[in-house]
Amino acid sequence: MPSRESIAGDSAFLLVRRLSGLNYFPKDDEAVAMLIKAMQSAPSMEAAEAFVAGWIKSEHDCPKPVDIYDHFNPRPGEYLGAPQNTGCPLCGGSGWRIVERKGISGAKRCGCIVAQAG
């Protein structure tokens, strides 16, 4: 099984340093070390570089280690809002149904999701 830390520490440090201009970049060494360790979880240097470049283009705040880990190793099934019943005739499995009151439409949690949560 390949190591999860496939990127050298020096390379990960340089990538993390590119994030230092973003809001909430950590000021203490321990927090920076956690970002470096998370960056080392990337499957390749190319993937890590693409992550950093994409993050800088789209975000104002520095990623947290969990953002980096989740990007490279998504945790399936952890999104609790994901509908379990895709065959519901009222919501089509989205968990939300359209309701109208006094000419104004909105969304309401569907009973199929409420029943599953209970």
PDB file of N, CA and C in Angstrom:
ATOM      1  N   MET A   1       0.848  -1.184   0.000  1.00  0.00           N
ATOM      2  CA  MET A   1       0.000   0.000   0.000  1.00  0.00           C
ATOM      3  C   MET A   1       0.886   1.237   0.000  1.00  0.00           C
ATOM      4  N   PRO A   2       0.655   2.208  -0.896  1.00  0.00           N
ATOM      5  CA  PRO A   2       1.502   3.398  -0.937  1.00  0.00           C
ATOM      6  C   PRO A   2       1.299   4.276   0.283  1.00  0.00           C
ATOM      7  N   SER A   3       2.348   4.997   0.613  1.00  0.00           N
ATOM      8  CA  SER A   3       2.292   5.911   1.748  1.00  0.00           C
ATOM      9  C   SER A   3       1.323   7.042   1.459  1.00  0.00           C
ATOM     10  N   ARG A   4       0.576   7.460   2.487  1.00  0.00           N
ATOM     11  CA  ARG A   4      -0.338   8.583   2.324  1.00  0.00           C
ATOM     12  C   ARG A   4       0.437   9.888   2.257  1.00  0.00           C
ATOM     13  N   GLU A   5       1.651   9.895   2.751  1.00  0.00           N
ATOM     14  CA  GLU A   5       2.464  11.100   2.731  1.00  0.00           C
ATOM     15  C   GLU A   5       3.456  10.988   1.585  1.00  0.00           C
ATOM     16  N   SER A   6       2.960  11.180   0.346  1.00  0.00           N
ATOM     17  CA  SER A   6       3.781  10.974  -0.832  1.00  0.00           C
ATOM     18  C   SER A   6       4.552  12.221  -1.253  1.00  0.00           C
ATOM     19  N   ILE A   7       4.285  13.349  -0.642  1.00  0.00           N
ATOM     20  CA  ILE A   7       4.972  14.591  -0.989  1.00  0.00           C
ATOM     21  C   ILE A   7       5.991  14.910   0.104  1.00  0.00           C
ATOM     22  N   ALA A   8       7.189  15.245  -0.309  1.00  0.00           N
ATOM     23  CA  ALA A   8       8.246  15.568   0.647  1.00  0.00           C
ATOM     24  C   ALA A   8       7.865  16.800   1.461  1.00  0.00           C
ATOM     25  N   GLY A   9       8.346  16.838   2.685  1.00  0.00           N
ATOM     26  CA  GLY A   9       8.034  17.935   3.591  1.00  0.00           C
ATOM     27  C   GLY A   9       8.416  19.296   3.048  1.00  0.00           C
ATOM     28  N   ASP A  10       9.575  19.391   2.384  1.00  0.00           N
ATOM     29  CA  ASP A  10      10.007  20.674   1.835  1.00  0.00           C
ATOM     30  C   ASP A  10       9.050  21.153   0.739  1.00  0.00           C
ATOM     31  N   SER A  11       8.615  20.244  -0.105  1.00  0.00           N
ATOM     32  CA  SER A  11       7.683  20.608  -1.178  1.00  0.00           C
ATOM     33  C   SER A  11       6.342  21.020  -0.598  1.00  0.00           C
ATOM     34  N   ALA A  12       5.870  20.276   0.394  1.00  0.00           N
ATOM     35  CA  ALA A  12       4.592  20.620   1.034  1.00  0.00           C
ATOM     36  C   ALA A  12       4.695  21.975   1.727  1.00  0.00           C
ATOM     37  N   PHE A  13       5.837  22.267   2.345  1.00  0.00           N
ATOM     38  CA  PHE A  13       6.052  23.553   2.994  1.00  0.00           C
ATOM     39  C   PHE A  13       5.926  24.692   1.981  1.00  0.00           C
ATOM     40  N   LEU A  14       6.550  24.522   0.814  1.00  0.00           N
ATOM     41  CA  LEU A  14       6.493  25.574  -0.207  1.00  0.00           C
ATOM     42  C   LEU A  14       5.069  25.785  -0.709  1.00  0.00           C
ATOM     43  N   LEU A  15       4.314  24.708  -0.849  1.00  0.00           N
ATOM     44  CA  LEU A  15       2.920  24.843  -1.272  1.00  0.00           C
ATOM     45  C   LEU A  15       2.091  25.557  -0.213  1.00  0.00           C
ATOM     46  N   VAL A  16       2.288  25.195   1.047  1.00  0.00           N
ATOM     47  CA  VAL A  16       1.545  25.838   2.140  1.00  0.00           C
ATOM     48  C   VAL A  16       1.926  27.303   2.236  1.00  0.00           C
ATOM     49  N   ARG A  17       3.177  27.607   2.024  1.00  0.00           N
ATOM     50  CA  ARG A  17       3.624  29.002   2.081  1.00  0.00           C
ATOM     51  C   ARG A  17       2.909  29.864   1.052  1.00  0.00           C
ATOM     52  N   ARG A  18       2.519  29.277  -0.087  1.00  0.00           N
ATOM     53  CA  ARG A  18       1.769  30.024  -1.111  1.00  0.00           C
ATOM     54  C   ARG A  18       0.405  30.464  -0.587  1.00  0.00           C
ATOM     55  N   LEU A  19      -0.099  29.780   0.439  1.00  0.00           N
ATOM     56  CA  LEU A  19      -1.396  30.125   1.024  1.00  0.00           C
ATOM     57  C   LEU A  19      -1.290  31.238   2.073  1.00  0.00           C
ATOM     58  N   SER A  20      -0.074  31.664   2.385  1.00  0.00           N
ATOM     59  CA  SER A  20       0.142  32.583   3.509  1.00  0.00           C
ATOM     60  C   SER A  20      -0.484  33.967   3.316  1.00  0.00           C
ATOM     61  N   GLY A  21      -0.828  34.334   2.105  1.00  0.00           N
ATOM     62  CA  GLY A  21      -1.459  35.633   1.877  1.00  0.00           C
ATOM     63  C   GLY A  21      -2.965  35.625   2.094  1.00  0.00           C
ATOM     64  N   LEU A  22      -3.539  34.450   2.340  1.00  0.00           N
ATOM     65  CA  LEU A  22      -4.980  34.352   2.542  1.00  0.00           C
ATOM     66  C   LEU A  22      -5.364  34.695   3.980  1.00  0.00           C
ATOM     67  N   ASN A  23      -6.601  35.104   4.166  1.00  0.00           N
ATOM     68  CA  ASN A  23      -7.107  35.391   5.510  1.00  0.00           C
ATOM     69  C   ASN A  23      -6.997  34.146   6.394  1.00  0.00           C
ATOM     70  N   TYR A  24      -6.733  34.370   7.639  1.00  0.00           N
ATOM     71  CA  TYR A  24      -6.686  33.329   8.677  1.00  0.00           C
ATOM     72  C   TYR A  24      -5.570  32.315   8.472  1.00  0.00           C
ATOM     73  N   PHE A  25      -4.525  32.686   7.725  1.00  0.00           N
ATOM     74  CA  PHE A  25      -3.366  31.786   7.657  1.00  0.00           C
ATOM     75  C   PHE A  25      -2.807  31.680   9.068  1.00  0.00           C
ATOM     76  N   PRO A  26      -2.493  30.468   9.542  1.00  0.00           N
ATOM     77  CA  PRO A  26      -2.051  30.318  10.931  1.00  0.00           C
ATOM     78  C   PRO A  26      -0.752  31.058  11.221  1.00  0.00           C
ATOM     79  N   LYS A  27      -0.685  31.589  12.428  1.00  0.00           N
ATOM     80  CA  LYS A  27       0.490  32.341  12.846  1.00  0.00           C
ATOM     81  C   LYS A  27       1.477  31.485  13.644  1.00  0.00           C
ATOM     82  N   ASP A  28       1.000  30.390  14.225  1.00  0.00           N
ATOM     83  CA  ASP A  28       1.908  29.573  15.034  1.00  0.00           C
ATOM     84  C   ASP A  28       2.419  28.376  14.231  1.00  0.00           C
ATOM     85  N   ASP A  29       3.635  27.955  14.574  1.00  0.00           N
ATOM     86  CA  ASP A  29       4.326  26.891  13.850  1.00  0.00           C
ATOM     87  C   ASP A  29       3.582  25.559  13.887  1.00  0.00           C
ATOM     88  N   GLU A  30       2.929  25.251  14.997  1.00  0.00           N
ATOM     89  CA  GLU A  30       2.223  23.977  15.113  1.00  0.00           C
ATOM     90  C   GLU A  30       1.066  23.893  14.115  1.00  0.00           C
ATOM     91  N   ALA A  31       0.335  24.977  13.958  1.00  0.00           N
ATOM     92  CA  ALA A  31      -0.785  24.996  13.012  1.00  0.00           C
ATOM     93  C   ALA A  31      -0.281  24.920  11.568  1.00  0.00           C
ATOM     94  N   VAL A  32       0.823  25.587  11.272  1.00  0.00           N
ATOM     95  CA  VAL A  32       1.412  25.504   9.933  1.00  0.00           C
ATOM     96  C   VAL A  32       1.867  24.070   9.670  1.00  0.00           C
ATOM     97  N   ALA A  33       2.448  23.429  10.667  1.00  0.00           N
ATOM     98  CA  ALA A  33       2.893  22.035  10.528  1.00  0.00           C
ATOM     99  C   ALA A  33       1.711  21.111  10.222  1.00  0.00           C
ATOM    100  N   MET A  34       0.547  21.413  10.797  1.00  0.00           N
ATOM    101  CA  MET A  34      -0.639  20.602  10.515  1.00  0.00           C
ATOM    102  C   MET A  34      -1.083  20.779   9.062  1.00  0.00           C
ATOM    103  N   LEU A  35      -0.979  21.997   8.531  1.00  0.00           N
ATOM    104  CA  LEU A  35      -1.296  22.218   7.123  1.00  0.00           C
ATOM    105  C   LEU A  35      -0.317  21.475   6.219  1.00  0.00           C
ATOM    106  N   ILE A  36       0.954  21.490   6.584  1.00  0.00           N
ATOM    107  CA  ILE A  36       1.976  20.786   5.792  1.00  0.00           C
ATOM    108  C   ILE A  36       1.697  19.291   5.781  1.00  0.00           C
ATOM    109  N   LYS A  37       1.386  18.734   6.948  1.00  0.00           N
ATOM    110  CA  LYS A  37       1.086  17.301   7.036  1.00  0.00           C
ATOM    111  C   LYS A  37      -0.142  16.959   6.183  1.00  0.00           C
ATOM    112  N   ALA A  38      -1.157  17.814   6.216  1.00  0.00           N
ATOM    113  CA  ALA A  38      -2.349  17.582   5.397  1.00  0.00           C
ATOM    114  C   ALA A  38      -1.990  17.636   3.913  1.00  0.00           C
ATOM    115  N   MET A  39      -1.138  18.585   3.533  1.00  0.00           N
ATOM    116  CA  MET A  39      -0.743  18.711   2.128  1.00  0.00           C
ATOM    117  C   MET A  39       0.007  17.467   1.672  1.00  0.00           C
ATOM    118  N   GLN A  40       0.716  16.827   2.567  1.00  0.00           N
ATOM    119  CA  GLN A  40       1.448  15.607   2.232  1.00  0.00           C
ATOM    120  C   GLN A  40       0.516  14.435   1.927  1.00  0.00           C
ATOM    121  N   SER A  41      -0.766  14.583   2.218  1.00  0.00           N
ATOM    122  CA  SER A  41      -1.712  13.502   1.917  1.00  0.00           C
ATOM    123  C   SER A  41      -2.128  13.502   0.449  1.00  0.00           C
ATOM    124  N   ALA A  42      -1.703  14.503  -0.304  1.00  0.00           N
ATOM    125  CA  ALA A  42      -2.025  14.558  -1.737  1.00  0.00           C
ATOM    126  C   ALA A  42      -1.417  13.350  -2.440  1.00  0.00           C
ATOM    127  N   PRO A  43      -2.102  12.810  -3.433  1.00  0.00           N
ATOM    128  CA  PRO A  43      -1.580  11.631  -4.118  1.00  0.00           C
ATOM    129  C   PRO A  43      -0.355  11.912  -4.985  1.00  0.00           C
ATOM    130  N   SER A  44      -0.157  13.184  -5.356  1.00  0.00           N
ATOM    131  CA  SER A  44       1.000  13.547  -6.170  1.00  0.00           C
ATOM    132  C   SER A  44       1.278  15.040  -6.008  1.00  0.00           C
ATOM    133  N   MET A  45       2.459  15.432  -6.418  1.00  0.00           N
ATOM    134  CA  MET A  45       2.825  16.843  -6.378  1.00  0.00           C
ATOM    135  C   MET A  45       1.917  17.645  -7.312  1.00  0.00           C
ATOM    136  N   GLU A  46       1.591  17.075  -8.465  1.00  0.00           N
ATOM    137  CA  GLU A  46       0.722  17.761  -9.421  1.00  0.00           C
ATOM    138  C   GLU A  46      -0.661  18.015  -8.816  1.00  0.00           C
ATOM    139  N   ALA A  47      -1.183  17.028  -8.095  1.00  0.00           N
ATOM    140  CA  ALA A  47      -2.502  17.188  -7.469  1.00  0.00           C
ATOM    141  C   ALA A  47      -2.451  18.269  -6.393  1.00  0.00           C
ATOM    142  N   ALA A  48      -1.365  18.291  -5.625  1.00  0.00           N
ATOM    143  CA  ALA A  48      -1.219  19.294  -4.566  1.00  0.00           C
ATOM    144  C   ALA A  48      -1.095  20.694  -5.164  1.00  0.00           C
ATOM    145  N   GLU A  49      -0.312  20.821  -6.228  1.00  0.00           N
ATOM    146  CA  GLU A  49      -0.164  22.119  -6.884  1.00  0.00           C
ATOM    147  C   GLU A  49      -1.498  22.600  -7.452  1.00  0.00           C
ATOM    148  N   ALA A  50      -2.257  21.695  -8.043  1.00  0.00           N
ATOM    149  CA  ALA A  50      -3.564  22.055  -8.594  1.00  0.00           C
ATOM    150  C   ALA A  50      -4.519  22.491  -7.483  1.00  0.00           C
ATOM    151  N   PHE A  51      -4.469  21.797  -6.335  1.00  0.00           N
ATOM    152  CA  PHE A  51      -5.317  22.179  -5.207  1.00  0.00           C
ATOM    153  C   PHE A  51      -5.000  23.596  -4.756  1.00  0.00           C
ATOM    154  N   VAL A  52      -3.724  23.888  -4.553  1.00  0.00           N
ATOM    155  CA  VAL A  52      -3.315  25.211  -4.066  1.00  0.00           C
ATOM    156  C   VAL A  52      -3.697  26.289  -5.079  1.00  0.00           C
ATOM    157  N   ALA A  53      -3.410  26.060  -6.344  1.00  0.00           N
ATOM    158  CA  ALA A  53      -3.740  27.057  -7.368  1.00  0.00           C
ATOM    159  C   ALA A  53      -5.250  27.298  -7.420  1.00  0.00           C
ATOM    160  N   GLY A  54      -6.034  26.232  -7.368  1.00  0.00           N
ATOM    161  CA  GLY A  54      -7.483  26.377  -7.397  1.00  0.00           C
ATOM    162  C   GLY A  54      -8.018  27.081  -6.168  1.00  0.00           C
ATOM    163  N   TRP A  55      -7.444  26.757  -5.003  1.00  0.00           N
ATOM    164  CA  TRP A  55      -7.910  27.375  -3.758  1.00  0.00           C
ATOM    165  C   TRP A  55      -7.629  28.876  -3.781  1.00  0.00           C
ATOM    166  N   ILE A  56      -6.429  29.244  -4.199  1.00  0.00           N
ATOM    167  CA  ILE A  56      -6.059  30.660  -4.231  1.00  0.00           C
ATOM    168  C   ILE A  56      -6.965  31.441  -5.185  1.00  0.00           C
ATOM    169  N   LYS A  57      -7.366  30.825  -6.289  1.00  0.00           N
ATOM    170  CA  LYS A  57      -8.226  31.500  -7.260  1.00  0.00           C
ATOM    171  C   LYS A  57      -9.656  31.663  -6.772  1.00  0.00           C
ATOM    172  N   SER A  58     -10.111  30.765  -5.894  1.00  0.00           N
ATOM    173  CA  SER A  58     -11.533  30.773  -5.546  1.00  0.00           C
ATOM    174  C   SER A  58     -11.862  31.132  -4.103  1.00  0.00           C
ATOM    175  N   GLU A  59     -10.880  31.191  -3.234  1.00  0.00           N
ATOM    176  CA  GLU A  59     -11.149  31.407  -1.806  1.00  0.00           C
ATOM    177  C   GLU A  59     -10.374  32.605  -1.269  1.00  0.00           C
ATOM    178  N   HIS A  60     -10.936  33.225  -0.238  1.00  0.00           N
ATOM    179  CA  HIS A  60     -10.250  34.332   0.436  1.00  0.00           C
ATOM    180  C   HIS A  60      -9.567  33.864   1.711  1.00  0.00           C
ATOM    181  N   ASP A  61     -10.088  32.791   2.305  1.00  0.00           N
ATOM    182  CA  ASP A  61      -9.571  32.287   3.578  1.00  0.00           C
ATOM    183  C   ASP A  61      -8.676  31.074   3.361  1.00  0.00           C
ATOM    184  N   CYS A  62      -7.675  30.942   4.191  1.00  0.00           N
ATOM    185  CA  CYS A  62      -6.765  29.806   4.137  1.00  0.00           C
ATOM    186  C   CYS A  62      -7.530  28.515   4.447  1.00  0.00           C
ATOM    187  N   PRO A  63      -7.225  27.438   3.741  1.00  0.00           N
ATOM    188  CA  PRO A  63      -7.906  26.188   4.064  1.00  0.00           C
ATOM    189  C   PRO A  63      -7.460  25.668   5.427  1.00  0.00           C
ATOM    190  N   LYS A  64      -8.339  24.952   6.057  1.00  0.00           N
ATOM    191  CA  LYS A  64      -7.990  24.247   7.290  1.00  0.00           C
ATOM    192  C   LYS A  64      -7.473  22.869   6.880  1.00  0.00           C
ATOM    193  N   PRO A  65      -6.723  22.204   7.742  1.00  0.00           N
ATOM    194  CA  PRO A  65      -6.249  20.862   7.385  1.00  0.00           C
ATOM    195  C   PRO A  65      -7.372  19.939   6.914  1.00  0.00           C
ATOM    196  N   VAL A  66      -8.538  20.016   7.544  1.00  0.00           N
ATOM    197  CA  VAL A  66      -9.650  19.146   7.137  1.00  0.00           C
ATOM    198  C   VAL A  66     -10.079  19.415   5.705  1.00  0.00           C
ATOM    199  N   ASP A  67      -9.991  20.660   5.239  1.00  0.00           N
ATOM    200  CA  ASP A  67     -10.327  20.976   3.853  1.00  0.00           C
ATOM    201  C   ASP A  67      -9.388  20.241   2.892  1.00  0.00           C
ATOM    202  N   ILE A  68      -8.120  20.214   3.250  1.00  0.00           N
ATOM    203  CA  ILE A  68      -7.121  19.562   2.399  1.00  0.00           C
ATOM    204  C   ILE A  68      -7.312  18.051   2.438  1.00  0.00           C
ATOM    205  N   TYR A  69      -7.451  17.483   3.643  1.00  0.00           N
ATOM    206  CA  TYR A  69      -7.676  16.039   3.756  1.00  0.00           C
ATOM    207  C   TYR A  69      -8.934  15.625   2.993  1.00  0.00           C
ATOM    208  N   ASP A  70     -10.017  16.372   3.158  1.00  0.00           N
ATOM    209  CA  ASP A  70     -11.272  16.030   2.488  1.00  0.00           C
ATOM    210  C   ASP A  70     -11.156  16.135   0.967  1.00  0.00           C
ATOM    211  N   HIS A  71     -10.357  17.073   0.488  1.00  0.00           N
ATOM    212  CA  HIS A  71     -10.194  17.206  -0.956  1.00  0.00           C
ATOM    213  C   HIS A  71      -9.516  15.965  -1.544  1.00  0.00           C
ATOM    214  N   PHE A  72      -8.485  15.487  -0.875  1.00  0.00           N
ATOM    215  CA  PHE A  72      -7.728  14.358  -1.404  1.00  0.00           C
ATOM    216  C   PHE A  72      -8.274  13.002  -0.976  1.00  0.00           C
ATOM    217  N   ASN A  73      -9.012  12.959   0.109  1.00  0.00           N
ATOM    218  CA  ASN A  73      -9.555  11.706   0.624  1.00  0.00           C
ATOM    219  C   ASN A  73     -10.978  11.929   1.101  1.00  0.00           C
ATOM    220  N   PRO A  74     -11.914  12.162   0.173  1.00  0.00           N
ATOM    221  CA  PRO A  74     -13.285  12.446   0.609  1.00  0.00           C
ATOM    222  C   PRO A  74     -13.866  11.294   1.416  1.00  0.00           C
ATOM    223  N   ARG A  75     -14.643  11.668   2.413  1.00  0.00           N
ATOM    224  CA  ARG A  75     -15.277  10.676   3.283  1.00  0.00           C
ATOM    225  C   ARG A  75     -16.676  10.396   2.755  1.00  0.00           C
ATOM    226  N   PRO A  76     -16.874   9.257   2.106  1.00  0.00           N
ATOM    227  CA  PRO A  76     -18.185   8.979   1.516  1.00  0.00           C
ATOM    228  C   PRO A  76     -19.271   8.818   2.573  1.00  0.00           C
ATOM    229  N   GLY A  77     -20.456   9.322   2.233  1.00  0.00           N
ATOM    230  CA  GLY A  77     -21.601   9.135   3.102  1.00  0.00           C
ATOM    231  C   GLY A  77     -21.651  10.010   4.322  1.00  0.00           C
ATOM    232  N   GLU A  78     -20.756  10.976   4.446  1.00  0.00           N
ATOM    233  CA  GLU A  78     -20.756  11.811   5.643  1.00  0.00           C
ATOM    234  C   GLU A  78     -21.682  13.004   5.529  1.00  0.00           C
ATOM    235  N   TYR A  79     -22.169  13.274   4.334  1.00  0.00           N
ATOM    236  CA  TYR A  79     -23.092  14.386   4.172  1.00  0.00           C
ATOM    237  C   TYR A  79     -24.444  13.939   4.704  1.00  0.00           C
ATOM    238  N   LEU A  80     -24.796  14.418   5.881  1.00  0.00           N
ATOM    239  CA  LEU A  80     -25.994  13.947   6.555  1.00  0.00           C
ATOM    240  C   LEU A  80     -27.273  14.388   5.860  1.00  0.00           C
ATOM    241  N   GLY A  81     -27.198  15.424   5.051  1.00  0.00           N
ATOM    242  CA  GLY A  81     -28.373  15.891   4.364  1.00  0.00           C
ATOM    243  C   GLY A  81     -28.678  15.116   3.084  1.00  0.00           C
ATOM    244  N   ALA A  82     -27.832  14.177   2.735  1.00  0.00           N
ATOM    245  CA  ALA A  82     -28.051  13.413   1.518  1.00  0.00           C
ATOM    246  C   ALA A  82     -29.302  12.558   1.647  1.00  0.00           C
ATOM    247  N   PRO A  83     -30.195  12.677   0.685  1.00  0.00           N
ATOM    248  CA  PRO A  83     -31.424  11.903   0.782  1.00  0.00           C
ATOM    249  C   PRO A  83     -31.166  10.417   0.619  1.00  0.00           C
ATOM    250  N   GLN A  84     -31.870   9.626   1.386  1.00  0.00           N
ATOM    251  CA  GLN A  84     -31.750   8.186   1.305  1.00  0.00           C
ATOM    252  C   GLN A  84     -32.816   7.601   0.391  1.00  0.00           C
ATOM    253  N   ASN A  85     -33.934   8.292   0.243  1.00  0.00           N
ATOM    254  CA  ASN A  85     -35.063   7.798  -0.524  1.00  0.00           C
ATOM    255  C   ASN A  85     -35.124   8.552  -1.849  1.00  0.00           C
ATOM    256  N   THR A  86     -34.598   7.984  -2.910  1.00  0.00           N
ATOM    257  CA  THR A  86     -34.592   8.686  -4.190  1.00  0.00           C
ATOM    258  C   THR A  86     -35.885   8.479  -4.969  1.00  0.00           C
ATOM    259  N   GLY A  87     -36.788   7.657  -4.474  1.00  0.00           N
ATOM    260  CA  GLY A  87     -38.012   7.388  -5.196  1.00  0.00           C
ATOM    261  C   GLY A  87     -39.237   8.077  -4.641  1.00  0.00           C
ATOM    262  N   CYS A  88     -39.086   9.078  -3.806  1.00  0.00           N
ATOM    263  CA  CYS A  88     -40.237   9.757  -3.218  1.00  0.00           C
ATOM    264  C   CYS A  88     -40.997  10.525  -4.299  1.00  0.00           C
ATOM    265  N   PRO A  89     -42.315  10.319  -4.407  1.00  0.00           N
ATOM    266  CA  PRO A  89     -43.078  11.026  -5.437  1.00  0.00           C
ATOM    267  C   PRO A  89     -43.279  12.515  -5.137  1.00  0.00           C
ATOM    268  N   LEU A  90     -43.106  12.928  -3.882  1.00  0.00           N
ATOM    269  CA  LEU A  90     -43.312  14.337  -3.538  1.00  0.00           C
ATOM    270  C   LEU A  90     -42.085  15.199  -3.793  1.00  0.00           C
ATOM    271  N   CYS A  91     -40.904  14.653  -3.505  1.00  0.00           N
ATOM    272  CA  CYS A  91     -39.687  15.469  -3.623  1.00  0.00           C
ATOM    273  C   CYS A  91     -38.690  14.924  -4.640  1.00  0.00           C
ATOM    274  N   GLY A  92     -38.959  13.735  -5.157  1.00  0.00           N
ATOM    275  CA  GLY A  92     -38.028  13.138  -6.115  1.00  0.00           C
ATOM    276  C   GLY A  92     -36.720  12.725  -5.486  1.00  0.00           C
ATOM    277  N   GLY A  93     -36.709  12.618  -4.158  1.00  0.00           N
ATOM    278  CA  GLY A  93     -35.501  12.206  -3.452  1.00  0.00           C
ATOM    279  C   GLY A  93     -34.623  13.347  -2.993  1.00  0.00           C
ATOM    280  N   SER A  94     -35.016  14.583  -3.251  1.00  0.00           N
ATOM    281  CA  SER A  94     -34.186  15.720  -2.855  1.00  0.00           C
ATOM    282  C   SER A  94     -34.292  16.018  -1.365  1.00  0.00           C
ATOM    283  N   GLY A  95     -35.405  15.587  -0.749  1.00  0.00           N
ATOM    284  CA  GLY A  95     -35.629  15.894   0.659  1.00  0.00           C
ATOM    285  C   GLY A  95     -36.386  17.194   0.864  1.00  0.00           C
ATOM    286  N   TRP A  96     -36.674  17.912  -0.221  1.00  0.00           N
ATOM    287  CA  TRP A  96     -37.389  19.189  -0.166  1.00  0.00           C
ATOM    288  C   TRP A  96     -38.528  19.161  -1.166  1.00  0.00           C
ATOM    289  N   ARG A  97     -39.652  19.726  -0.791  1.00  0.00           N
ATOM    290  CA  ARG A  97     -40.766  19.829  -1.723  1.00  0.00           C
ATOM    291  C   ARG A  97     -41.194  21.286  -1.817  1.00  0.00           C
ATOM    292  N   ILE A  98     -41.724  21.651  -2.965  1.00  0.00           N
ATOM    293  CA  ILE A  98     -42.168  23.028  -3.211  1.00  0.00           C
ATOM    294  C   ILE A  98     -43.545  23.210  -2.584  1.00  0.00           C
ATOM    295  N   VAL A  99     -43.705  24.304  -1.840  1.00  0.00           N
ATOM    296  CA  VAL A  99     -45.003  24.647  -1.252  1.00  0.00           C
ATOM    297  C   VAL A  99     -45.337  26.079  -1.655  1.00  0.00           C
ATOM    298  N   GLU A 100     -46.624  26.358  -1.764  1.00  0.00           N
ATOM    299  CA  GLU A 100     -47.064  27.712  -2.087  1.00  0.00           C
ATOM    300  C   GLU A 100     -48.073  28.164  -1.048  1.00  0.00           C
ATOM    301  N   ARG A 101     -47.882  29.391  -0.587  1.00  0.00           N
ATOM    302  CA  ARG A 101     -48.807  30.009   0.366  1.00  0.00           C
ATOM    303  C   ARG A 101     -49.035  31.449  -0.059  1.00  0.00           C
ATOM    304  N   LYS A 102     -50.268  31.791  -0.266  1.00  0.00           N
ATOM    305  CA  LYS A 102     -50.645  33.157  -0.652  1.00  0.00           C
ATOM    306  C   LYS A 102     -49.836  33.652  -1.848  1.00  0.00           C
ATOM    307  N   GLY A 103     -49.653  32.760  -2.834  1.00  0.00           N
ATOM    308  CA  GLY A 103     -48.966  33.139  -4.059  1.00  0.00           C
ATOM    309  C   GLY A 103     -47.448  33.179  -3.969  1.00  0.00           C
ATOM    310  N   ILE A 104     -46.899  32.796  -2.843  1.00  0.00           N
ATOM    311  CA  ILE A 104     -45.441  32.793  -2.680  1.00  0.00           C
ATOM    312  C   ILE A 104     -44.986  31.340  -2.545  1.00  0.00           C
ATOM    313  N   SER A 105     -43.990  30.968  -3.339  1.00  0.00           N
ATOM    314  CA  SER A 105     -43.498  29.591  -3.256  1.00  0.00           C
ATOM    315  C   SER A 105     -42.224  29.535  -2.429  1.00  0.00           C
ATOM    316  N   GLY A 106     -42.031  28.379  -1.843  1.00  0.00           N
ATOM    317  CA  GLY A 106     -40.849  28.144  -1.026  1.00  0.00           C
ATOM    318  C   GLY A 106     -40.596  26.654  -0.927  1.00  0.00           C
ATOM    319  N   ALA A 107     -39.654  26.280  -0.108  1.00  0.00           N
ATOM    320  CA  ALA A 107     -39.314  24.871   0.068  1.00  0.00           C
ATOM    321  C   ALA A 107     -39.619  24.451   1.497  1.00  0.00           C
ATOM    322  N   LYS A 108     -40.052  23.212   1.623  1.00  0.00           N
ATOM    323  CA  LYS A 108     -40.357  22.643   2.932  1.00  0.00           C
ATOM    324  C   LYS A 108     -39.740  21.250   2.973  1.00  0.00           C
ATOM    325  N   ARG A 109     -39.208  20.889   4.123  1.00  0.00           N
ATOM    326  CA  ARG A 109     -38.623  19.561   4.291  1.00  0.00           C
ATOM    327  C   ARG A 109     -39.689  18.511   4.020  1.00  0.00           C
ATOM    328  N   CYS A 110     -39.349  17.531   3.223  1.00  0.00           N
ATOM    329  CA  CYS A 110     -40.308  16.493   2.854  1.00  0.00           C
ATOM    330  C   CYS A 110     -40.462  15.487   3.995  1.00  0.00           C
ATOM    331  N   GLY A 111     -41.622  14.926   4.096  1.00  0.00           N
ATOM    332  CA  GLY A 111     -41.921  13.937   5.123  1.00  0.00           C
ATOM    333  C   GLY A 111     -41.077  12.678   5.015  1.00  0.00           C
ATOM    334  N   CYS A 112     -40.615  12.329   3.804  1.00  0.00           N
ATOM    335  CA  CYS A 112     -39.805  11.119   3.659  1.00  0.00           C
ATOM    336  C   CYS A 112     -38.474  11.258   4.403  1.00  0.00           C
ATOM    337  N   ILE A 113     -37.911  12.451   4.419  1.00  0.00           N
ATOM    338  CA  ILE A 113     -36.649  12.693   5.120  1.00  0.00           C
ATOM    339  C   ILE A 113     -36.902  12.804   6.624  1.00  0.00           C
ATOM    340  N   VAL A 114     -37.968  13.486   7.002  1.00  0.00           N
ATOM    341  CA  VAL A 114     -38.311  13.630   8.417  1.00  0.00           C
ATOM    342  C   VAL A 114     -38.540  12.262   9.038  1.00  0.00           C
ATOM    343  N   ALA A 115     -39.223  11.361   8.331  1.00  0.00           N
ATOM    344  CA  ALA A 115     -39.488  10.017   8.846  1.00  0.00           C
ATOM    345  C   ALA A 115     -38.195   9.237   9.009  1.00  0.00           C
ATOM    346  N   GLN A 116     -37.234   9.415   8.095  1.00  0.00           N
ATOM    347  CA  GLN A 116     -35.960   8.709   8.184  1.00  0.00           C
ATOM    348  C   GLN A 116     -35.127   9.222   9.345  1.00  0.00           C
ATOM    349  N   ALA A 117     -35.197  10.536   9.618  1.00  0.00           N
ATOM    350  CA  ALA A 117     -34.397  11.129  10.698  1.00  0.00           C
ATOM    351  C   ALA A 117     -34.925  10.727  12.052  1.00  0.00           C
ATOM    352  N   GLY A 118     -36.229  10.484  12.160  1.00  0.00           N
ATOM    353  CA  GLY A 118     -36.866  10.181  13.427  1.00  0.00           C
ATOM    354  C   GLY A 118     -36.599   8.814  13.856  1.00  0.00           C
TER     355      GLY A 118
END
